[in-house]
């Protein structure tokens, strides 16, 4: 019984990549991309602006005044805590450096 190997299509060595571009190598099955350019770019821009406005007005949830004040307070408190920690680290390292390198 003879065993036959069948091979599929291959484009090895024929792919259009940057190294083979302009060297007469072409892919065996090139992709065909259809680029559609609209003739009316102003209509596309207007439609895009309308969709953005609709998203902003109808699909965006805005925080209440209470939530906004609470979030601002949390950010302010976290900033102050980090500032105090950095200040304390600065004082500790300054004193450590004065011990290592006395004047």
PDB file of N, CA and C in Angstrom:
ATOM      1  N   UNK A   1       0.845  -1.168   0.000  1.00  0.00           N
ATOM      2  CA  UNK A   1       0.000   0.000   0.000  1.00  0.00           C
ATOM      3  C   UNK A   1       0.894   1.235   0.000  1.00  0.00           C
ATOM      4  N   UNK A   2       0.681   2.077  -0.945  1.00  0.00           N
ATOM      5  CA  UNK A   2       1.480   3.278  -1.095  1.00  0.00           C
ATOM      6  C   UNK A   2       0.807   4.434  -0.373  1.00  0.00           C
ATOM      7  N   UNK A   3       1.571   5.141   0.366  1.00  0.00           N
ATOM      8  CA  UNK A   3       1.032   6.281   1.113  1.00  0.00           C
ATOM      9  C   UNK A   3       1.385   7.552   0.364  1.00  0.00           C
ATOM     10  N   UNK A   4       0.399   8.359   0.074  1.00  0.00           N
ATOM     11  CA  UNK A   4       0.615   9.601  -0.653  1.00  0.00           C
ATOM     12  C   UNK A   4       0.426  10.790   0.276  1.00  0.00           C
ATOM     13  N   UNK A   5       1.335  11.720   0.170  1.00  0.00           N
ATOM     14  CA  UNK A   5       1.221  12.943   0.947  1.00  0.00           C
ATOM     15  C   UNK A   5       0.622  14.020   0.066  1.00  0.00           C
ATOM     16  N   UNK A   6      -0.350  14.701   0.592  1.00  0.00           N
ATOM     17  CA  UNK A   6      -0.927  15.812  -0.168  1.00  0.00           C
ATOM     18  C   UNK A   6      -0.617  17.103   0.572  1.00  0.00           C
ATOM     19  N   UNK A   7      -0.278  18.101  -0.186  1.00  0.00           N
ATOM     20  CA  UNK A   7       0.076  19.381   0.383  1.00  0.00           C
ATOM     21  C   UNK A   7      -0.939  20.422  -0.020  1.00  0.00           C
ATOM     22  N   UNK A   8      -1.207  21.344   0.880  1.00  0.00           N
ATOM     23  CA  UNK A   8      -2.124  22.437   0.579  1.00  0.00           C
ATOM     24  C   UNK A   8      -1.398  23.577  -0.094  1.00  0.00           C
ATOM     25  N   UNK A   9      -2.091  24.667  -0.238  1.00  0.00           N
ATOM     26  CA  UNK A   9      -1.492  25.836  -0.851  1.00  0.00           C
ATOM     27  C   UNK A   9      -0.583  26.518   0.164  1.00  0.00           C
ATOM     28  N   UNK A  10       0.504  27.008  -0.279  1.00  0.00           N
ATOM     29  CA  UNK A  10       1.432  27.686   0.607  1.00  0.00           C
ATOM     30  C   UNK A  10       1.968  28.921  -0.080  1.00  0.00           C
ATOM     31  N   UNK A  11       2.153  29.968   0.687  1.00  0.00           N
ATOM     32  CA  UNK A  11       2.729  31.180   0.128  1.00  0.00           C
ATOM     33  C   UNK A  11       4.058  31.476   0.809  1.00  0.00           C
ATOM     34  N   UNK A  12       4.705  30.451   1.345  1.00  0.00           N
ATOM     35  CA  UNK A  12       5.976  30.639   2.026  1.00  0.00           C
ATOM     36  C   UNK A  12       6.987  31.177   1.020  1.00  0.00           C
ATOM     37  N   UNK A  13       7.657  32.241   1.390  1.00  0.00           N
ATOM     38  CA  UNK A  13       8.639  32.836   0.495  1.00  0.00           C
ATOM     39  C   UNK A  13       8.027  33.795  -0.499  1.00  0.00           C
ATOM     40  N   UNK A  14       6.715  33.901  -0.491  1.00  0.00           N
ATOM     41  CA  UNK A  14       6.066  34.772  -1.445  1.00  0.00           C
ATOM     42  C   UNK A  14       5.248  35.853  -0.764  1.00  0.00           C
ATOM     43  N   UNK A  15       5.289  35.892   0.553  1.00  0.00           N
ATOM     44  CA  UNK A  15       4.478  36.870   1.277  1.00  0.00           C
ATOM     45  C   UNK A  15       5.019  38.274   1.050  1.00  0.00           C
ATOM     46  N   UNK A  16       4.113  39.212   0.945  1.00  0.00           N
ATOM     47  CA  UNK A  16       4.484  40.598   0.745  1.00  0.00           C
ATOM     48  C   UNK A  16       4.756  41.225   2.109  1.00  0.00           C
ATOM     49  N   UNK A  17       6.017  41.254   2.483  1.00  0.00           N
ATOM     50  CA  UNK A  17       6.435  41.869   3.737  1.00  0.00           C
ATOM     51  C   UNK A  17       7.462  42.926   3.414  1.00  0.00           C
ATOM     52  N   UNK A  18       7.895  43.649   4.430  1.00  0.00           N
ATOM     53  CA  UNK A  18       8.774  44.787   4.189  1.00  0.00           C
ATOM     54  C   UNK A  18      10.091  44.379   3.538  1.00  0.00           C
ATOM     55  N   UNK A  19      10.592  43.181   3.824  1.00  0.00           N
ATOM     56  CA  UNK A  19      11.857  42.753   3.243  1.00  0.00           C
ATOM     57  C   UNK A  19      11.719  42.403   1.766  1.00  0.00           C
ATOM     58  N   UNK A  20      10.527  42.011   1.355  1.00  0.00           N
ATOM     59  CA  UNK A  20      10.352  41.578  -0.031  1.00  0.00           C
ATOM     60  C   UNK A  20       9.640  42.613  -0.886  1.00  0.00           C
ATOM     61  N   UNK A  21       9.228  43.696  -0.289  1.00  0.00           N
ATOM     62  CA  UNK A  21       8.491  44.708  -1.042  1.00  0.00           C
ATOM     63  C   UNK A  21       9.392  45.277  -2.131  1.00  0.00           C
ATOM     64  N   UNK A  22       8.832  45.472  -3.304  1.00  0.00           N
ATOM     65  CA  UNK A  22       9.519  46.021  -4.473  1.00  0.00           C
ATOM     66  C   UNK A  22      10.631  45.108  -4.969  1.00  0.00           C
ATOM     67  N   UNK A  23      10.555  43.840  -4.662  1.00  0.00           N
ATOM     68  CA  UNK A  23      11.534  42.894  -5.185  1.00  0.00           C
ATOM     69  C   UNK A  23      10.842  41.806  -5.990  1.00  0.00           C
ATOM     70  N   UNK A  24       9.705  42.114  -6.536  1.00  0.00           N
ATOM     71  CA  UNK A  24       8.910  41.249  -7.399  1.00  0.00           C
ATOM     72  C   UNK A  24       8.392  40.005  -6.697  1.00  0.00           C
ATOM     73  N   UNK A  25       8.243  40.040  -5.376  1.00  0.00           N
ATOM     74  CA  UNK A  25       7.591  38.955  -4.661  1.00  0.00           C
ATOM     75  C   UNK A  25       6.165  39.390  -4.392  1.00  0.00           C
ATOM     76  N   UNK A  26       5.238  38.582  -4.750  1.00  0.00           N
ATOM     77  CA  UNK A  26       3.829  38.874  -4.525  1.00  0.00           C
ATOM     78  C   UNK A  26       3.188  37.672  -3.842  1.00  0.00           C
ATOM     79  N   UNK A  27       2.219  37.879  -2.970  1.00  0.00           N
ATOM     80  CA  UNK A  27       1.530  36.749  -2.358  1.00  0.00           C
ATOM     81  C   UNK A  27       0.692  36.013  -3.392  1.00  0.00           C
ATOM     82  N   UNK A  28       0.544  34.708  -3.196  1.00  0.00           N
ATOM     83  CA  UNK A  28      -0.232  33.928  -4.158  1.00  0.00           C
ATOM     84  C   UNK A  28      -1.718  34.244  -4.081  1.00  0.00           C
ATOM     85  N   UNK A  29      -2.218  34.582  -2.900  1.00  0.00           N
ATOM     86  CA  UNK A  29      -3.625  34.938  -2.720  1.00  0.00           C
ATOM     87  C   UNK A  29      -3.699  36.274  -2.002  1.00  0.00           C
ATOM     88  N   UNK A  30      -3.515  37.398  -2.694  1.00  0.00           N
ATOM     89  CA  UNK A  30      -3.497  38.690  -2.003  1.00  0.00           C
ATOM     90  C   UNK A  30      -4.862  39.054  -1.450  1.00  0.00           C
ATOM     91  N   UNK A  31      -4.851  39.750  -0.316  1.00  0.00           N
ATOM     92  CA  UNK A  31      -6.089  40.232   0.288  1.00  0.00           C
ATOM     93  C   UNK A  31      -6.630  41.374  -0.560  1.00  0.00           C
ATOM     94  N   UNK A  32      -7.901  41.368  -0.744  1.00  0.00           N
ATOM     95  CA  UNK A  32      -8.524  42.447  -1.493  1.00  0.00           C
ATOM     96  C   UNK A  32      -9.341  43.277  -0.521  1.00  0.00           C
ATOM     97  N   UNK A  33      -8.829  44.446  -0.196  1.00  0.00           N
ATOM     98  CA  UNK A  33      -9.481  45.336   0.752  1.00  0.00           C
ATOM     99  C   UNK A  33     -10.193  46.416  -0.032  1.00  0.00           C
ATOM    100  N   UNK A  34     -11.443  46.588   0.264  1.00  0.00           N
ATOM    101  CA  UNK A  34     -12.234  47.606  -0.402  1.00  0.00           C
ATOM    102  C   UNK A  34     -12.282  48.828   0.492  1.00  0.00           C
ATOM    103  N   UNK A  35     -11.736  49.905   0.026  1.00  0.00           N
ATOM    104  CA  UNK A  35     -11.743  51.145   0.795  1.00  0.00           C
ATOM    105  C   UNK A  35     -12.835  52.028   0.232  1.00  0.00           C
ATOM    106  N   UNK A  36     -13.772  52.339   1.087  1.00  0.00           N
ATOM    107  CA  UNK A  36     -14.876  53.180   0.650  1.00  0.00           C
ATOM    108  C   UNK A  36     -14.709  54.562   1.255  1.00  0.00           C
ATOM    109  N   UNK A  37     -14.584  55.523   0.410  1.00  0.00           N
ATOM    110  CA  UNK A  37     -14.484  56.903   0.855  1.00  0.00           C
ATOM    111  C   UNK A  37     -15.810  57.593   0.560  1.00  0.00           C
ATOM    112  N   UNK A  38     -16.377  58.169   1.562  1.00  0.00           N
ATOM    113  CA  UNK A  38     -17.628  58.876   1.358  1.00  0.00           C
ATOM    114  C   UNK A  38     -17.354  60.193   0.651  1.00  0.00           C
ATOM    115  N   UNK A  39     -18.254  60.554  -0.217  1.00  0.00           N
ATOM    116  CA  UNK A  39     -18.081  61.788  -0.969  1.00  0.00           C
ATOM    117  C   UNK A  39     -18.419  63.010  -0.130  1.00  0.00           C
ATOM    118  N   UNK A  40     -19.199  62.796   0.922  1.00  0.00           N
ATOM    119  CA  UNK A  40     -19.638  63.934   1.725  1.00  0.00           C
ATOM    120  C   UNK A  40     -19.053  63.837   3.127  1.00  0.00           C
ATOM    121  N   UNK A  41     -17.872  64.393   3.303  1.00  0.00           N
ATOM    122  CA  UNK A  41     -17.200  64.322   4.602  1.00  0.00           C
ATOM    123  C   UNK A  41     -17.902  65.203   5.637  1.00  0.00           C
ATOM    124  N   UNK A  42     -18.597  66.242   5.189  1.00  0.00           N
ATOM    125  CA  UNK A  42     -19.314  67.117   6.123  1.00  0.00           C
ATOM    126  C   UNK A  42     -20.491  66.388   6.758  1.00  0.00           C
ATOM    127  N   UNK A  43     -21.158  65.530   5.982  1.00  0.00           N
ATOM    128  CA  UNK A  43     -22.271  64.745   6.523  1.00  0.00           C
ATOM    129  C   UNK A  43     -21.754  63.742   7.542  1.00  0.00           C
ATOM    130  N   UNK A  44     -20.605  63.114   7.263  1.00  0.00           N
ATOM    131  CA  UNK A  44     -20.013  62.185   8.222  1.00  0.00           C
ATOM    132  C   UNK A  44     -19.637  62.901   9.514  1.00  0.00           C
ATOM    133  N   UNK A  45     -19.077  64.084   9.396  1.00  0.00           N
ATOM    134  CA  UNK A  45     -18.694  64.849  10.585  1.00  0.00           C
ATOM    135  C   UNK A  45     -19.909  65.248  11.402  1.00  0.00           C
ATOM    136  N   UNK A  46     -20.967  65.671  10.734  1.00  0.00           N
ATOM    137  CA  UNK A  46     -22.195  66.057  11.432  1.00  0.00           C
ATOM    138  C   UNK A  46     -22.814  64.848  12.131  1.00  0.00           C
ATOM    139  N   UNK A  47     -22.829  63.693  11.458  1.00  0.00           N
ATOM    140  CA  UNK A  47     -23.365  62.477  12.075  1.00  0.00           C
ATOM    141  C   UNK A  47     -22.550  62.081  13.298  1.00  0.00           C
ATOM    142  N   UNK A  48     -21.228  62.218  13.195  1.00  0.00           N
ATOM    143  CA  UNK A  48     -20.364  61.884  14.327  1.00  0.00           C
ATOM    144  C   UNK A  48     -20.647  62.806  15.518  1.00  0.00           C
ATOM    145  N   UNK A  49     -20.802  64.096  15.257  1.00  0.00           N
ATOM    146  CA  UNK A  49     -21.094  65.045  16.336  1.00  0.00           C
ATOM    147  C   UNK A  49     -22.445  64.758  16.980  1.00  0.00           C
ATOM    148  N   UNK A  50     -23.434  64.392  16.170  1.00  0.00           N
ATOM    149  CA  UNK A  50     -24.747  64.042  16.716  1.00  0.00           C
ATOM    150  C   UNK A  50     -24.660  62.808  17.612  1.00  0.00           C
ATOM    151  N   UNK A  51     -23.891  61.799  17.176  1.00  0.00           N
ATOM    152  CA  UNK A  51     -23.742  60.593  17.994  1.00  0.00           C
ATOM    153  C   UNK A  51     -23.017  60.894  19.302  1.00  0.00           C
ATOM    154  N   UNK A  52     -22.012  61.768  19.252  1.00  0.00           N
ATOM    155  CA  UNK A  52     -21.297  62.148  20.475  1.00  0.00           C
ATOM    156  C   UNK A  52     -22.214  62.874  21.443  1.00  0.00           C
ATOM    157  N   UNK A  53     -23.018  63.784  20.923  1.00  0.00           N
ATOM    158  CA  UNK A  53     -23.957  64.525  21.767  1.00  0.00           C
ATOM    159  C   UNK A  53     -24.984  63.576  22.381  1.00  0.00           C
ATOM    160  N   UNK A  54     -25.495  62.656  21.587  1.00  0.00           N
ATOM    161  CA  UNK A  54     -26.478  61.699  22.083  1.00  0.00           C
ATOM    162  C   UNK A  54     -25.868  60.838  23.193  1.00  0.00           C
ATOM    163  N   UNK A  55     -24.634  60.403  23.007  1.00  0.00           N
ATOM    164  CA  UNK A  55     -23.947  59.615  24.032  1.00  0.00           C
ATOM    165  C   UNK A  55     -23.763  60.423  25.308  1.00  0.00           C
ATOM    166  N   UNK A  56     -23.366  61.674  25.161  1.00  0.00           N
ATOM    167  CA  UNK A  56     -23.111  62.530  26.314  1.00  0.00           C
ATOM    168  C   UNK A  56     -24.379  62.822  27.101  1.00  0.00           C
ATOM    169  N   UNK A  57     -25.477  63.060  26.409  1.00  0.00           N
ATOM    170  CA  UNK A  57     -26.723  63.449  27.070  1.00  0.00           C
ATOM    171  C   UNK A  57     -27.486  62.251  27.622  1.00  0.00           C
ATOM    172  N   UNK A  58     -27.573  61.162  26.858  1.00  0.00           N
ATOM    173  CA  UNK A  58     -28.469  60.075  27.230  1.00  0.00           C
ATOM    174  C   UNK A  58     -27.785  58.871  27.876  1.00  0.00           C
ATOM    175  N   UNK A  59     -26.507  58.644  27.606  1.00  0.00           N
ATOM    176  CA  UNK A  59     -25.872  57.412  28.087  1.00  0.00           C
ATOM    177  C   UNK A  59     -24.794  57.642  29.142  1.00  0.00           C
ATOM    178  N   UNK A  60     -24.517  58.879  29.488  1.00  0.00           N
ATOM    179  CA  UNK A  60     -23.497  59.171  30.483  1.00  0.00           C
ATOM    180  C   UNK A  60     -24.159  59.396  31.831  1.00  0.00           C
ATOM    181  N   UNK A  61     -23.608  58.773  32.871  1.00  0.00           N
ATOM    182  CA  UNK A  61     -24.140  58.995  34.216  1.00  0.00           C
ATOM    183  C   UNK A  61     -23.247  60.007  34.911  1.00  0.00           C
ATOM    184  N   UNK A  62     -23.833  61.060  35.373  1.00  0.00           N
ATOM    185  CA  UNK A  62     -23.107  62.131  36.035  1.00  0.00           C
ATOM    186  C   UNK A  62     -23.243  61.975  37.538  1.00  0.00           C
ATOM    187  N   UNK A  63     -22.171  62.264  38.301  1.00  0.00           N
ATOM    188  CA  UNK A  63     -22.269  62.132  39.756  1.00  0.00           C
ATOM    189  C   UNK A  63     -23.137  63.239  40.345  1.00  0.00           C
ATOM    190  N   UNK A  64     -23.746  62.901  41.477  1.00  0.00           N
ATOM    191  CA  UNK A  64     -24.527  63.913  42.178  1.00  0.00           C
ATOM    192  C   UNK A  64     -23.559  64.850  42.905  1.00  0.00           C
ATOM    193  N   UNK A  65     -24.099  65.934  43.411  1.00  0.00           N
ATOM    194  CA  UNK A  65     -23.271  66.905  44.125  1.00  0.00           C
ATOM    195  C   UNK A  65     -22.635  66.272  45.360  1.00  0.00           C
ATOM    196  N   UNK A  66     -23.395  65.448  46.073  1.00  0.00           N
ATOM    197  CA  UNK A  66     -22.888  64.784  47.272  1.00  0.00           C
ATOM    198  C   UNK A  66     -21.744  63.826  46.917  1.00  0.00           C
ATOM    199  N   UNK A  67     -21.922  63.047  45.846  1.00  0.00           N
ATOM    200  CA  UNK A  67     -20.872  62.125  45.417  1.00  0.00           C
ATOM    201  C   UNK A  67     -19.609  62.876  44.987  1.00  0.00           C
ATOM    202  N   UNK A  68     -19.795  63.997  44.315  1.00  0.00           N
ATOM    203  CA  UNK A  68     -18.670  64.792  43.849  1.00  0.00           C
ATOM    204  C   UNK A  68     -17.876  65.374  45.013  1.00  0.00           C
ATOM    205  N   UNK A  69     -18.580  65.889  46.017  1.00  0.00           N
ATOM    206  CA  UNK A  69     -17.916  66.448  47.198  1.00  0.00           C
ATOM    207  C   UNK A  69     -17.183  65.347  47.961  1.00  0.00           C
ATOM    208  N   UNK A  70     -17.799  64.179  48.078  1.00  0.00           N
ATOM    209  CA  UNK A  70     -17.159  63.059  48.770  1.00  0.00           C
ATOM    210  C   UNK A  70     -15.888  62.627  48.036  1.00  0.00           C
ATOM    211  N   UNK A  71     -15.956  62.501  46.729  1.00  0.00           N
ATOM    212  CA  UNK A  71     -14.775  62.101  45.948  1.00  0.00           C
ATOM    213  C   UNK A  71     -13.661  63.133  46.064  1.00  0.00           C
ATOM    214  N   UNK A  72     -14.020  64.411  46.024  1.00  0.00           N
ATOM    215  CA  UNK A  72     -13.014  65.470  46.164  1.00  0.00           C
ATOM    216  C   UNK A  72     -12.366  65.416  47.542  1.00  0.00           C
ATOM    217  N   UNK A  73     -13.152  65.139  48.576  1.00  0.00           N
ATOM    218  CA  UNK A  73     -12.610  65.011  49.931  1.00  0.00           C
ATOM    219  C   UNK A  73     -11.643  63.840  50.047  1.00  0.00           C
ATOM    220  N   UNK A  74     -11.991  62.718  49.413  1.00  0.00           N
ATOM    221  CA  UNK A  74     -11.104  61.547  49.445  1.00  0.00           C
ATOM    222  C   UNK A  74      -9.785  61.862  48.753  1.00  0.00           C
ATOM    223  N   UNK A  75      -9.845  62.534  47.606  1.00  0.00           N
ATOM    224  CA  UNK A  75      -8.628  62.895  46.878  1.00  0.00           C
ATOM    225  C   UNK A  75      -7.780  63.867  47.699  1.00  0.00           C
ATOM    226  N   UNK A  76      -8.418  64.859  48.322  1.00  0.00           N
ATOM    227  CA  UNK A  76      -7.698  65.827  49.142  1.00  0.00           C
ATOM    228  C   UNK A  76      -7.019  65.144  50.337  1.00  0.00           C
ATOM    229  N   UNK A  77      -7.732  64.256  51.003  1.00  0.00           N
ATOM    230  CA  UNK A  77      -7.176  63.549  52.152  1.00  0.00           C
ATOM    231  C   UNK A  77      -6.005  62.659  51.727  1.00  0.00           C
ATOM    232  N   UNK A  78      -6.154  61.934  50.635  1.00  0.00           N
ATOM    233  CA  UNK A  78      -5.076  61.068  50.156  1.00  0.00           C
ATOM    234  C   UNK A  78      -3.848  61.892  49.777  1.00  0.00           C
ATOM    235  N   UNK A  79      -4.057  63.046  49.157  1.00  0.00           N
ATOM    236  CA  UNK A  79      -2.934  63.921  48.790  1.00  0.00           C
ATOM    237  C   UNK A  79      -2.197  64.422  50.023  1.00  0.00           C
ATOM    238  N   UNK A  80      -2.950  64.816  51.056  1.00  0.00           N
ATOM    239  CA  UNK A  80      -2.316  65.281  52.286  1.00  0.00           C
ATOM    240  C   UNK A  80      -1.537  64.173  52.984  1.00  0.00           C
ATOM    241  N   UNK A  81      -2.092  62.966  53.020  1.00  0.00           N
ATOM    242  CA  UNK A  81      -1.401  61.833  53.653  1.00  0.00           C
ATOM    243  C   UNK A  81      -0.104  61.535  52.915  1.00  0.00           C
ATOM    244  N   UNK A  82      -0.145  61.513  51.605  1.00  0.00           N
ATOM    245  CA  UNK A  82       1.068  61.244  50.822  1.00  0.00           C
ATOM    246  C   UNK A  82       2.088  62.354  51.021  1.00  0.00           C
ATOM    247  N   UNK A  83       1.641  63.608  51.074  1.00  0.00           N
ATOM    248  CA  UNK A  83       2.567  64.726  51.301  1.00  0.00           C
ATOM    249  C   UNK A  83       3.251  64.607  52.658  1.00  0.00           C
ATOM    250  N   UNK A  84       2.508  64.231  53.691  1.00  0.00           N
ATOM    251  CA  UNK A  84       3.088  64.066  55.027  1.00  0.00           C
ATOM    252  C   UNK A  84       4.102  62.919  55.024  1.00  0.00           C
ATOM    253  N   UNK A  85       3.778  61.823  54.364  1.00  0.00           N
ATOM    254  CA  UNK A  85       4.704  60.683  54.302  1.00  0.00           C
ATOM    255  C   UNK A  85       5.993  61.078  53.589  1.00  0.00           C
ATOM    256  N   UNK A  86       5.882  61.786  52.473  1.00  0.00           N
ATOM    257  CA  UNK A  86       7.080  62.226  51.749  1.00  0.00           C
ATOM    258  C   UNK A  86       7.893  63.196  52.604  1.00  0.00           C
ATOM    259  N   UNK A  87       7.232  64.102  53.302  1.00  0.00           N
ATOM    260  CA  UNK A  87       7.937  65.043  54.188  1.00  0.00           C
ATOM    261  C   UNK A  87       8.703  64.293  55.278  1.00  0.00           C
ATOM    262  N   UNK A  88       8.055  63.317  55.914  1.00  0.00           N
ATOM    263  CA  UNK A  88       8.719  62.550  56.964  1.00  0.00           C
ATOM    264  C   UNK A  88       9.908  61.754  56.409  1.00  0.00           C
ATOM    265  N   UNK A  89       9.746  61.172  55.243  1.00  0.00           N
ATOM    266  CA  UNK A  89      10.866  60.449  54.624  1.00  0.00           C
ATOM    267  C   UNK A  89      12.019  61.400  54.340  1.00  0.00           C
ATOM    268  N   UNK A  90      11.708  62.599  53.884  1.00  0.00           N
ATOM    269  CA  UNK A  90      12.744  63.600  53.602  1.00  0.00           C
ATOM    270  C   UNK A  90      13.501  63.969  54.871  1.00  0.00           C
ATOM    271  N   UNK A  91      12.793  64.174  55.969  1.00  0.00           N
ATOM    272  CA  UNK A  91      13.436  64.528  57.239  1.00  0.00           C
ATOM    273  C   UNK A  91      14.318  63.375  57.725  1.00  0.00           C
ATOM    274  N   UNK A  92      13.823  62.141  57.628  1.00  0.00           N
ATOM    275  CA  UNK A  92      14.591  60.979  58.082  1.00  0.00           C
ATOM    276  C   UNK A  92      15.855  60.833  57.247  1.00  0.00           C
ATOM    277  N   UNK A  93      15.755  60.921  55.925  1.00  0.00           N
ATOM    278  CA  UNK A  93      16.934  60.775  55.080  1.00  0.00           C
ATOM    279  C   UNK A  93      17.921  61.928  55.274  1.00  0.00           C
ATOM    280  N   UNK A  94      17.401  63.121  55.510  1.00  0.00           N
ATOM    281  CA  UNK A  94      18.287  64.271  55.758  1.00  0.00           C
ATOM    282  C   UNK A  94      19.109  64.035  57.021  1.00  0.00           C
ATOM    283  N   UNK A  95      18.453  63.594  58.103  1.00  0.00           N
ATOM    284  CA  UNK A  95      19.167  63.331  59.353  1.00  0.00           C
ATOM    285  C   UNK A  95      20.135  62.156  59.209  1.00  0.00           C
ATOM    286  N   UNK A  96      19.747  61.144  58.446  1.00  0.00           N
ATOM    287  CA  UNK A  96      20.638  60.010  58.208  1.00  0.00           C
ATOM    288  C   UNK A  96      21.883  60.456  57.438  1.00  0.00           C
ATOM    289  N   UNK A  97      21.717  61.296  56.443  1.00  0.00           N
ATOM    290  CA  UNK A  97      22.851  61.787  55.664  1.00  0.00           C
ATOM    291  C   UNK A  97      23.755  62.680  56.510  1.00  0.00           C
ATOM    292  N   UNK A  98      23.163  63.429  57.442  1.00  0.00           N
ATOM    293  CA  UNK A  98      23.991  64.255  58.345  1.00  0.00           C
ATOM    294  C   UNK A  98      24.801  63.374  59.286  1.00  0.00           C
ATOM    295  N   UNK A  99      24.307  62.198  59.667  1.00  0.00           N
ATOM    296  CA  UNK A  99      25.085  61.262  60.467  1.00  0.00           C
ATOM    297  C   UNK A  99      26.218  60.649  59.657  1.00  0.00           C
ATOM    298  N   UNK A 100      25.940  60.304  58.402  1.00  0.00           N
ATOM    299  CA  UNK A 100      26.941  59.667  57.557  1.00  0.00           C
ATOM    300  C   UNK A 100      28.003  60.683  57.115  1.00  0.00           C
ATOM    301  N   UNK A 101      27.580  61.856  56.715  1.00  0.00           N
ATOM    302  CA  UNK A 101      28.485  62.908  56.238  1.00  0.00           C
ATOM    303  C   UNK A 101      28.363  64.137  57.131  1.00  0.00           C
ATOM    304  N   UNK A 102      29.023  64.159  58.282  1.00  0.00           N
ATOM    305  CA  UNK A 102      28.894  65.323  59.169  1.00  0.00           C
ATOM    306  C   UNK A 102      29.619  66.541  58.584  1.00  0.00           C
ATOM    307  N   UNK A 103      29.136  67.703  58.956  1.00  0.00           N
ATOM    308  CA  UNK A 103      29.769  68.953  58.456  1.00  0.00           C
ATOM    309  C   UNK A 103      30.969  69.306  59.261  1.00  0.00           C
TER     310      UNK A 103
END
